Amino acid sequence: MARRHDRRRTAERAGDPYAADAHDGAPYGSDRHPGPQPGPAIELRGVRRTYGRGAGTVQALRGIDLALAPGSFTAVMGPSGSGKSTFLQCAAGLDRPDAGEIRLGGEEITALGEKRLTELRRSRIGFVFQSFNLLPSLSVEQNVLLPQRLAGERQDRARARELLERVGLGGHAGRRPGQLSGGQQQRVAIARALITRPDVVFADEPTGALDTRTAHEVLELLRQAVDSLGATVVMVTHDPVAASFADRVLFLAGGAIVDDLPHPGPQAVADRMVALTARPVGAAA
């Protein structure tokens, strides 16, 4: 049992809360988290994160202030080293900021203990990764249900089947991930991210490993999750076309939000990125 818990802690420190062993002994049917609260789905207030010391100090986030409404789709872009990954890690509760507050559905999460934070990640946050991160020994349906199982909740097979139908994999529930294409595996990952009706779904370069047509299909599914299911999606991407599926694009540079583009089109996003890359770090937007 100790070895099983060690594997889970290692996986979550690596930023993959779904790559844990599928059974942790938690009782099934425990209480669900409260429904969505009024106000922002997620809010960051003065969030700062610094790595290293002395001359090697890196200010990854420099006072991020942001509030995202429920049912919104936000893309986050920026040059390499701009703070995108740190932003996602902190906002999703996978890393702790040095200063500031992060609120999820109105609940302040930065001061939570590790046990409560783990429970929150499993029940109130969904994740979609570039590398899919499905468990090869589990069936497609079991992978979709994994967040509920890890959270000790009743496994809602009817909802899992509904989500698999929505992502076009209704006939694949019994297959293993290794029997699916990359695009199909990412569809499973989206269904898995939505199974607990999370406050926010964080997508980290979700189309980075896919061809253009398959990437478009995956982005359409994320868009539909927002429009049809009321999901809140925050997506880190380097692709202007992917960003154009969002309601707005936030641009990071030097650990700060330096630009904000509503109703983005691919060319407008690309132009902003070119301008951003050419501007010295720290310059005003």
Protein backbone atom coordinates (compact mmCIF):
# COMPACT_ATOMS: atom_id res chain seq x y z
CA MET A 1 0.00 0.00 0.00
CA ALA A 2 2.84 2.42 0.83
CA ARG A 3 4.33 1.84 -2.62
CA ARG A 4 0.97 2.65 -4.23
CA HIS A 5 0.70 5.96 -2.34
CA ASP A 6 4.31 6.81 -3.25
CA ARG A 7 3.49 6.34 -6.96
CA ARG A 8 0.48 8.62 -6.63
CA ARG A 9 2.42 11.39 -4.87
CA THR A 10 5.21 11.18 -7.44
CA ALA A 11 2.74 11.43 -10.31
CA GLU A 12 0.97 14.44 -8.84
CA ARG A 13 4.21 16.28 -8.10
CA ALA A 14 5.04 15.77 -11.77
CA GLY A 15 1.84 17.60 -12.70
CA ASP A 16 -0.28 14.58 -13.64
CA PRO A 17 -3.05 13.99 -11.10
CA TYR A 18 -4.57 11.24 -13.28
CA ALA A 19 -1.43 9.11 -13.65
CA ALA A 20 -1.87 7.59 -10.21
CA ASP A 21 -2.77 4.01 -9.41
CA ALA A 22 -6.49 3.59 -10.08
CA HIS A 23 -7.47 2.41 -6.60
CA ASP A 24 -6.64 4.21 -3.37
CA GLY A 25 -9.04 2.58 -0.97
CA ALA A 26 -11.32 5.62 -0.77
CA PRO A 27 -14.98 4.82 -0.11
CA TYR A 28 -17.33 5.13 -3.04
CA GLY A 29 -20.32 7.42 -2.96
CA SER A 30 -18.77 10.19 -0.84
CA ASP A 31 -20.39 13.61 -1.00
CA ARG A 32 -19.95 15.60 -4.19
CA HIS A 33 -18.41 19.05 -4.03
CA PRO A 34 -20.90 21.96 -4.00
CA GLY A 35 -22.19 23.21 -7.34
CA PRO A 36 -20.74 26.26 -9.08
CA GLN A 37 -20.67 29.34 -6.89
CA PRO A 38 -21.64 32.87 -7.97
CA GLY A 39 -18.79 34.97 -9.29
CA PRO A 40 -15.65 33.98 -11.21
CA ALA A 41 -14.91 30.34 -11.92
CA ILE A 42 -11.28 31.08 -11.09
CA GLU A 43 -9.62 34.21 -9.77
CA LEU A 44 -5.96 35.13 -9.24
CA ARG A 45 -5.02 38.09 -7.06
CA GLY A 46 -1.43 39.35 -6.99
CA VAL A 47 -0.01 35.89 -7.73
CA ARG A 48 3.78 35.75 -7.75
CA ARG A 49 6.13 32.80 -8.19
CA THR A 50 9.93 32.94 -7.99
CA TYR A 51 12.45 30.18 -8.56
CA GLY A 52 16.07 30.08 -7.47
CA ARG A 53 18.09 32.43 -5.31
CA GLY A 54 20.55 35.25 -5.68
CA ALA A 55 21.86 35.87 -9.18
CA GLY A 56 19.95 32.81 -10.41
CA THR A 57 16.54 34.09 -9.30
CA VAL A 58 13.80 33.81 -11.93
CA GLN A 59 10.54 35.70 -11.41
CA ALA A 60 8.20 33.37 -13.26
CA LEU A 61 5.02 35.24 -12.29
CA ARG A 62 5.04 38.93 -11.36
CA GLY A 63 1.70 39.73 -9.74
CA ILE A 64 -1.01 38.14 -11.88
CA ASP A 65 -4.50 39.59 -11.42
CA LEU A 66 -7.20 37.76 -13.35
CA ALA A 67 -10.84 36.68 -13.04
CA LEU A 68 -12.44 34.25 -15.50
CA ALA A 69 -16.20 33.87 -15.74
CA PRO A 70 -17.93 30.47 -15.68
CA GLY A 71 -18.62 29.13 -19.15
CA SER A 72 -15.70 30.96 -20.76
CA PHE A 73 -12.86 29.72 -22.98
CA THR A 74 -9.52 31.47 -22.43
CA ALA A 75 -6.28 30.82 -24.30
CA VAL A 76 -2.92 31.73 -22.75
CA MET A 77 0.02 32.46 -25.04
CA GLY A 78 3.51 33.92 -24.80
CA PRO A 79 7.12 33.42 -25.83
CA SER A 80 9.22 30.64 -24.33
CA GLY A 81 9.97 31.48 -20.71
CA SER A 82 7.05 33.90 -20.42
CA GLY A 83 5.49 32.08 -17.47
CA LYS A 84 2.74 30.09 -19.24
CA SER A 85 3.55 26.77 -17.61
CA THR A 86 3.99 28.32 -14.17
CA PHE A 87 0.68 30.14 -14.59
CA LEU A 88 -1.11 26.88 -15.36
CA GLN A 89 0.64 24.97 -12.57
CA CYS A 90 -0.27 27.58 -9.96
CA ALA A 91 -3.81 28.19 -11.18
CA ALA A 92 -4.50 24.44 -11.21
CA GLY A 93 -3.15 23.90 -7.71
CA LEU A 94 -0.17 21.86 -8.90
CA ASP A 95 2.32 24.46 -7.62
CA ARG A 96 2.05 27.01 -4.83
CA PRO A 97 2.67 30.70 -5.47
CA ASP A 98 5.02 32.64 -3.21
CA ALA A 99 2.46 35.42 -2.80
CA GLY A 100 -1.12 36.19 -3.73
CA GLU A 101 -4.39 34.28 -3.70
CA ILE A 102 -6.07 31.84 -6.05
CA ARG A 103 -9.80 31.23 -5.73
CA LEU A 104 -11.64 28.36 -7.36
CA GLY A 105 -15.42 28.78 -7.43
CA GLY A 106 -15.04 31.33 -4.65
CA GLU A 107 -12.87 29.06 -2.45
CA GLU A 108 -9.37 30.24 -1.63
CA ILE A 109 -7.06 27.33 -2.42
CA THR A 110 -3.52 28.61 -1.88
CA ALA A 111 -3.60 28.01 1.87
CA LEU A 112 -5.10 24.52 1.68
CA GLY A 113 -3.21 21.53 3.01
CA GLU A 114 -1.87 19.00 0.53
CA LYS A 115 -4.57 16.42 1.27
CA ARG A 116 -7.43 18.86 0.68
CA LEU A 117 -5.68 20.27 -2.38
CA THR A 118 -5.36 16.78 -3.85
CA GLU A 119 -9.06 16.14 -3.24
CA LEU A 120 -9.90 19.43 -4.93
CA ARG A 121 -7.79 18.64 -8.01
CA ARG A 122 -9.52 15.31 -8.40
CA SER A 123 -13.08 16.57 -8.03
CA ARG A 124 -13.19 20.22 -9.12
CA ILE A 125 -10.46 20.58 -11.76
CA GLY A 126 -10.19 18.79 -15.10
CA PHE A 127 -6.94 18.31 -17.00
CA VAL A 128 -6.14 17.70 -20.66
CA PHE A 129 -2.47 17.15 -21.47
CA GLN A 130 -0.50 17.13 -24.70
CA SER A 131 0.54 13.51 -24.09
CA PHE A 132 -3.02 12.34 -23.17
CA ASN A 133 -1.82 10.58 -19.96
CA LEU A 134 -4.28 7.70 -20.15
CA LEU A 135 -3.62 4.54 -18.16
CA PRO A 136 -2.90 1.77 -20.69
CA SER A 137 -4.15 -1.03 -18.43
CA LEU A 138 -7.63 0.51 -18.10
CA SER A 139 -10.40 0.53 -20.67
CA VAL A 140 -11.56 3.77 -22.27
CA GLU A 141 -14.58 3.91 -19.94
CA GLN A 142 -12.43 3.19 -16.89
CA ASN A 143 -10.05 6.01 -17.86
CA VAL A 144 -12.97 8.42 -18.15
CA LEU A 145 -14.25 7.36 -14.71
CA LEU A 146 -10.81 7.52 -13.08
CA PRO A 147 -11.18 11.02 -11.52
CA GLN A 148 -14.39 9.93 -9.77
CA ARG A 149 -12.76 6.74 -8.57
CA LEU A 150 -9.71 8.57 -7.21
CA ALA A 151 -11.99 11.12 -5.53
CA GLY A 152 -13.95 8.34 -3.83
CA GLU A 153 -17.13 9.33 -5.64
CA ARG A 154 -19.78 7.09 -7.14
CA GLN A 155 -18.71 6.14 -10.66
CA ASP A 156 -21.33 7.63 -12.96
CA ARG A 157 -21.20 5.22 -15.90
CA ALA A 158 -24.23 6.83 -17.54
CA ARG A 159 -22.42 10.18 -17.65
CA ALA A 160 -19.25 8.48 -18.91
CA ARG A 161 -21.21 6.91 -21.76
CA GLU A 162 -22.88 10.25 -22.53
CA LEU A 163 -19.51 12.02 -22.67
CA LEU A 164 -18.01 9.30 -24.85
CA GLU A 165 -20.94 9.73 -27.22
CA ARG A 166 -20.34 13.49 -27.27
CA VAL A 167 -16.70 13.02 -28.25
CA GLY A 168 -17.59 10.44 -30.90
CA LEU A 169 -16.34 7.35 -29.09
CA GLY A 170 -19.57 5.76 -27.93
CA GLY A 171 -18.57 2.41 -29.42
CA HIS A 172 -15.07 2.38 -27.92
CA ALA A 173 -15.80 2.16 -24.18
CA GLY A 174 -14.29 -1.31 -23.80
CA ARG A 175 -11.11 -0.70 -25.79
CA ARG A 176 -7.68 0.06 -24.37
CA PRO A 177 -5.89 3.36 -25.14
CA GLY A 178 -3.27 1.50 -27.18
CA GLN A 179 -5.99 0.50 -29.64
CA LEU A 180 -6.87 4.14 -30.38
CA SER A 181 -5.31 6.84 -32.53
CA GLY A 182 -3.74 9.92 -30.92
CA GLY A 183 -6.81 12.00 -31.71
CA GLN A 184 -9.11 9.39 -30.20
CA GLN A 185 -6.98 9.25 -27.06
CA GLN A 186 -7.25 13.02 -26.70
CA ARG A 187 -11.03 12.70 -27.04
CA VAL A 188 -10.98 10.24 -24.14
CA ALA A 189 -8.89 12.73 -22.16
CA ILE A 190 -11.50 15.45 -22.77
CA ALA A 191 -14.30 13.16 -21.60
CA ARG A 192 -12.23 12.30 -18.52
CA ALA A 193 -11.67 15.99 -17.78
CA LEU A 194 -15.41 16.66 -17.84
CA ILE A 195 -16.64 13.64 -15.86
CA THR A 196 -16.73 15.41 -12.46
CA ARG A 197 -18.34 18.60 -13.83
CA PRO A 198 -15.27 20.56 -12.74
CA ASP A 199 -15.13 24.28 -12.04
CA VAL A 200 -12.31 24.66 -14.58
CA VAL A 201 -10.68 22.48 -17.24
CA PHE A 202 -6.99 23.23 -17.81
CA ALA A 203 -5.66 22.17 -21.20
CA ASP A 204 -1.88 22.22 -21.65
CA GLU A 205 -0.97 22.27 -25.38
CA PRO A 206 -3.82 19.79 -26.05
CA THR A 207 -3.21 19.70 -29.82
CA GLY A 208 0.59 19.72 -29.76
CA ALA A 209 0.90 16.03 -30.67
CA LEU A 210 -1.87 15.98 -33.29
CA ASP A 211 -2.07 16.59 -37.03
CA THR A 212 -3.93 19.67 -38.26
CA ARG A 213 -7.28 18.01 -39.00
CA THR A 214 -7.36 16.04 -35.76
CA ALA A 215 -6.31 19.12 -33.80
CA HIS A 216 -9.23 21.04 -35.29
CA GLU A 217 -11.64 18.29 -34.21
CA VAL A 218 -10.26 18.32 -30.65
CA LEU A 219 -10.55 22.11 -30.45
CA GLU A 220 -14.14 21.90 -31.67
CA LEU A 221 -14.86 19.50 -28.79
CA LEU A 222 -13.38 21.93 -26.26
CA ARG A 223 -15.45 24.71 -27.81
CA GLN A 224 -18.58 22.55 -27.57
CA ALA A 225 -17.81 21.74 -23.95
CA VAL A 226 -17.99 25.46 -23.23
CA ASP A 227 -21.01 26.25 -25.41
CA SER A 228 -23.11 23.13 -24.72
CA LEU A 229 -22.02 21.95 -21.28
CA GLY A 230 -21.12 25.28 -19.69
CA ALA A 231 -17.53 24.22 -19.00
CA THR A 232 -14.84 26.78 -18.21
CA VAL A 233 -11.67 26.08 -20.20
CA VAL A 234 -8.20 27.60 -19.79
CA MET A 235 -5.84 26.48 -22.55
CA VAL A 236 -2.11 27.09 -22.83
CA THR A 237 -1.03 26.97 -26.47
CA HIS A 238 1.59 28.26 -28.89
CA ASP A 239 -0.71 27.90 -31.92
CA PRO A 240 -2.63 31.00 -33.14
CA VAL A 241 -5.21 28.77 -34.85
CA ALA A 242 -5.87 26.89 -31.61
CA ALA A 243 -6.11 30.19 -29.72
CA SER A 244 -8.74 31.45 -32.18
CA PHE A 245 -11.23 28.89 -30.78
CA ALA A 246 -11.19 30.76 -27.45
CA ASP A 247 -13.30 33.73 -26.37
CA ARG A 248 -10.18 35.71 -25.49
CA VAL A 249 -6.41 35.33 -25.54
CA LEU A 250 -4.16 36.44 -22.70
CA PHE A 251 -0.54 37.13 -23.62
CA LEU A 252 2.20 36.63 -21.04
CA ALA A 253 5.72 38.04 -21.17
CA GLY A 254 8.25 38.18 -18.37
CA GLY A 255 5.75 36.64 -15.97
CA ALA A 256 3.08 39.32 -16.47
CA ILE A 257 -0.09 39.67 -18.53
CA VAL A 258 0.89 42.24 -21.15
CA ASP A 259 -1.97 41.98 -23.65
CA ASP A 260 -5.56 40.74 -23.90
CA LEU A 261 -7.31 40.00 -27.20
CA PRO A 262 -11.08 39.33 -27.20
CA HIS A 263 -12.81 37.53 -30.08
CA PRO A 264 -9.47 36.39 -31.53
CA GLY A 265 -8.83 35.47 -35.14
CA PRO A 266 -5.75 33.43 -36.14
CA GLN A 267 -4.06 36.31 -37.97
CA ALA A 268 -4.70 38.81 -35.19
CA VAL A 269 -3.26 36.36 -32.66
CA ALA A 270 -0.20 35.73 -34.84
CA ASP A 271 0.36 39.48 -35.28
CA ARG A 272 0.17 40.06 -31.52
CA MET A 273 2.67 37.25 -30.92
CA VAL A 274 5.10 38.71 -33.47
CA ALA A 275 4.84 42.13 -31.83
CA LEU A 276 5.21 40.60 -28.38
CA THR A 277 8.29 38.61 -29.31
CA ALA A 278 9.91 41.73 -30.79
CA ARG A 279 9.22 43.86 -27.70
CA PRO A 280 11.82 43.89 -24.88
CA VAL A 281 10.75 42.02 -21.74
CA GLY A 282 9.13 44.43 -19.30
CA ALA A 283 8.12 46.96 -21.94
CA ALA A 284 4.58 48.32 -21.72
CA ALA A 285 1.90 46.69 -23.87
